[in-house]
């Protein structure tokens, strides 16, 4: 039962993340970057090491008029990845943050 429950939990978490991404994309296309940023923040809280999610949040924050928040999130994500995983963060994320600075 425990293996099944773990697999089901992972499947549902992935489906939830996919739904957040889809909703964030819809909000972006509707011209609602604040809504999109809120959705990406939820995704980032659930997947703090995910470079794709971090890039999307940083780009959305910049688009919504919060470049300082975008750079702050990029720096926090990079520090977390370096500290907890002992790897370099996503190069695209670092480049995006450098452009926003």
C-alpha atoms as a PDB file:
ATOM      1  CA  UNK A   1       0.000   0.000   0.000  1.00  0.00           C
ATOM      2  CA  UNK A   2       2.787   2.427   0.903  1.00  0.00           C
ATOM      3  CA  UNK A   3       4.394   2.133  -2.557  1.00  0.00           C
ATOM      4  CA  UNK A   4       1.055   2.688  -4.239  1.00  0.00           C
ATOM      5  CA  UNK A   5       0.323   5.693  -2.007  1.00  0.00           C
ATOM      6  CA  UNK A   6       3.742   7.207  -2.744  1.00  0.00           C
ATOM      7  CA  UNK A   7       3.277   6.739  -6.482  1.00  0.00           C
ATOM      8  CA  UNK A   8      -0.221   8.190  -6.346  1.00  0.00           C
ATOM      9  CA  UNK A   9       0.982  11.163  -4.301  1.00  0.00           C
ATOM     10  CA  UNK A  10       3.709  11.860  -6.866  1.00  0.00           C
ATOM     11  CA  UNK A  11       1.268  11.519  -9.766  1.00  0.00           C
ATOM     12  CA  UNK A  12      -1.172  13.953  -8.171  1.00  0.00           C
ATOM     13  CA  UNK A  13       1.588  16.429  -7.309  1.00  0.00           C
ATOM     14  CA  UNK A  14       2.767  16.388 -10.923  1.00  0.00           C
ATOM     15  CA  UNK A  15      -0.795  16.866 -12.204  1.00  0.00           C
ATOM     16  CA  UNK A  16      -1.241  19.802  -9.813  1.00  0.00           C
ATOM     17  CA  UNK A  17       2.009  21.382 -11.017  1.00  0.00           C
ATOM     18  CA  UNK A  18       0.968  20.930 -14.653  1.00  0.00           C
ATOM     19  CA  UNK A  19      -2.363  22.607 -13.870  1.00  0.00           C
ATOM     20  CA  UNK A  20      -0.587  25.549 -12.219  1.00  0.00           C
ATOM     21  CA  UNK A  21       1.666  25.928 -15.260  1.00  0.00           C
ATOM     22  CA  UNK A  22      -1.312  25.839 -17.622  1.00  0.00           C
ATOM     23  CA  UNK A  23      -3.225  28.405 -15.562  1.00  0.00           C
ATOM     24  CA  UNK A  24      -0.155  30.654 -15.345  1.00  0.00           C
ATOM     25  CA  UNK A  25       0.241  30.465 -19.124  1.00  0.00           C
ATOM     26  CA  UNK A  26      -3.405  31.399 -19.608  1.00  0.00           C
ATOM     27  CA  UNK A  27      -3.052  34.339 -17.230  1.00  0.00           C
ATOM     28  CA  UNK A  28       0.017  35.539 -19.113  1.00  0.00           C
ATOM     29  CA  UNK A  29      -1.809  35.338 -22.443  1.00  0.00           C
ATOM     30  CA  UNK A  30      -4.733  37.292 -20.959  1.00  0.00           C
ATOM     31  CA  UNK A  31      -2.319  40.029 -19.907  1.00  0.00           C
ATOM     32  CA  UNK A  32      -2.542  39.271 -16.192  1.00  0.00           C
ATOM     33  CA  UNK A  33       1.093  38.886 -15.124  1.00  0.00           C
ATOM     34  CA  UNK A  34       0.221  39.420 -11.439  1.00  0.00           C
ATOM     35  CA  UNK A  35      -2.093  36.405 -11.500  1.00  0.00           C
ATOM     36  CA  UNK A  36       0.525  34.401 -13.382  1.00  0.00           C
ATOM     37  CA  UNK A  37       3.197  35.371 -10.841  1.00  0.00           C
ATOM     38  CA  UNK A  38       0.980  34.223  -7.960  1.00  0.00           C
ATOM     39  CA  UNK A  39       0.504  30.853  -9.653  1.00  0.00           C
ATOM     40  CA  UNK A  40       4.230  30.489 -10.348  1.00  0.00           C
ATOM     41  CA  UNK A  41       4.936  31.359  -6.689  1.00  0.00           C
ATOM     42  CA  UNK A  42       2.738  28.437  -5.623  1.00  0.00           C
ATOM     43  CA  UNK A  43       4.603  26.167  -8.030  1.00  0.00           C
ATOM     44  CA  UNK A  44       7.964  27.431  -6.746  1.00  0.00           C
ATOM     45  CA  UNK A  45       6.921  26.756  -3.156  1.00  0.00           C
ATOM     46  CA  UNK A  46       6.041  23.180  -4.089  1.00  0.00           C
ATOM     47  CA  UNK A  47       9.146  22.611  -6.258  1.00  0.00           C
ATOM     48  CA  UNK A  48      11.871  24.860  -4.793  1.00  0.00           C
ATOM     49  CA  UNK A  49      14.717  23.177  -6.709  1.00  0.00           C
ATOM     50  CA  UNK A  50      13.011  23.204 -10.118  1.00  0.00           C
ATOM     51  CA  UNK A  51      14.947  25.502 -12.466  1.00  0.00           C
ATOM     52  CA  UNK A  52      12.106  25.645 -14.997  1.00  0.00           C
ATOM     53  CA  UNK A  53       9.676  26.893 -12.357  1.00  0.00           C
ATOM     54  CA  UNK A  54      12.217  29.401 -11.020  1.00  0.00           C
ATOM     55  CA  UNK A  55      12.875  30.772 -14.540  1.00  0.00           C
ATOM     56  CA  UNK A  56       9.167  31.109 -15.231  1.00  0.00           C
ATOM     57  CA  UNK A  57       8.569  32.937 -11.953  1.00  0.00           C
ATOM     58  CA  UNK A  58      11.515  35.281 -12.509  1.00  0.00           C
ATOM     59  CA  UNK A  59      10.394  36.082 -16.060  1.00  0.00           C
ATOM     60  CA  UNK A  60       6.807  36.657 -14.936  1.00  0.00           C
ATOM     61  CA  UNK A  61       7.854  38.897 -12.062  1.00  0.00           C
ATOM     62  CA  UNK A  62       9.956  40.962 -14.449  1.00  0.00           C
ATOM     63  CA  UNK A  63       7.052  41.167 -16.895  1.00  0.00           C
ATOM     64  CA  UNK A  64       4.706  42.273 -14.114  1.00  0.00           C
ATOM     65  CA  UNK A  65       6.956  45.219 -13.295  1.00  0.00           C
ATOM     66  CA  UNK A  66       8.867  43.722 -10.363  1.00  0.00           C
ATOM     67  CA  UNK A  67      12.450  43.285 -11.592  1.00  0.00           C
ATOM     68  CA  UNK A  68      13.798  43.591  -8.044  1.00  0.00           C
ATOM     69  CA  UNK A  69      11.536  40.751  -6.909  1.00  0.00           C
ATOM     70  CA  UNK A  70      12.599  38.733  -9.943  1.00  0.00           C
ATOM     71  CA  UNK A  71      16.298  39.163  -9.142  1.00  0.00           C
ATOM     72  CA  UNK A  72      15.667  38.413  -5.461  1.00  0.00           C
ATOM     73  CA  UNK A  73      13.902  35.151  -6.312  1.00  0.00           C
ATOM     74  CA  UNK A  74      16.660  34.159  -8.744  1.00  0.00           C
ATOM     75  CA  UNK A  75      19.285  34.794  -6.072  1.00  0.00           C
ATOM     76  CA  UNK A  76      17.336  32.902  -3.412  1.00  0.00           C
ATOM     77  CA  UNK A  77      16.791  29.956  -5.753  1.00  0.00           C
ATOM     78  CA  UNK A  78      20.475  29.900  -6.725  1.00  0.00           C
ATOM     79  CA  UNK A  79      21.564  29.982  -3.079  1.00  0.00           C
ATOM     80  CA  UNK A  80      19.158  27.166  -2.180  1.00  0.00           C
ATOM     81  CA  UNK A  81      20.337  24.944  -5.032  1.00  0.00           C
ATOM     82  CA  UNK A  82      23.984  25.551  -4.215  1.00  0.00           C
ATOM     83  CA  UNK A  83      23.524  24.986  -0.477  1.00  0.00           C
ATOM     84  CA  UNK A  84      21.189  21.997  -0.531  1.00  0.00           C
ATOM     85  CA  UNK A  85      22.182  20.204  -3.724  1.00  0.00           C
ATOM     86  CA  UNK A  86      25.802  21.346  -4.089  1.00  0.00           C
ATOM     87  CA  UNK A  87      25.305  22.066  -7.812  1.00  0.00           C
ATOM     88  CA  UNK A  88      25.250  25.184  -9.905  1.00  0.00           C
ATOM     89  CA  UNK A  89      21.806  26.602 -10.624  1.00  0.00           C
ATOM     90  CA  UNK A  90      20.252  26.783 -14.058  1.00  0.00           C
ATOM     91  CA  UNK A  91      22.476  28.854 -16.373  1.00  0.00           C
ATOM     92  CA  UNK A  92      19.483  30.417 -18.129  1.00  0.00           C
ATOM     93  CA  UNK A  93      18.112  31.580 -14.786  1.00  0.00           C
ATOM     94  CA  UNK A  94      21.432  33.191 -13.875  1.00  0.00           C
ATOM     95  CA  UNK A  95      21.639  34.897 -17.275  1.00  0.00           C
ATOM     96  CA  UNK A  96      18.093  36.204 -16.933  1.00  0.00           C
ATOM     97  CA  UNK A  97      18.832  37.599 -13.481  1.00  0.00           C
ATOM     98  CA  UNK A  98      22.019  39.246 -14.765  1.00  0.00           C
ATOM     99  CA  UNK A  99      20.055  40.940 -17.571  1.00  0.00           C
ATOM    100  CA  UNK A 100      17.480  42.211 -15.078  1.00  0.00           C
ATOM    101  CA  UNK A 101      20.129  43.692 -12.796  1.00  0.00           C
END
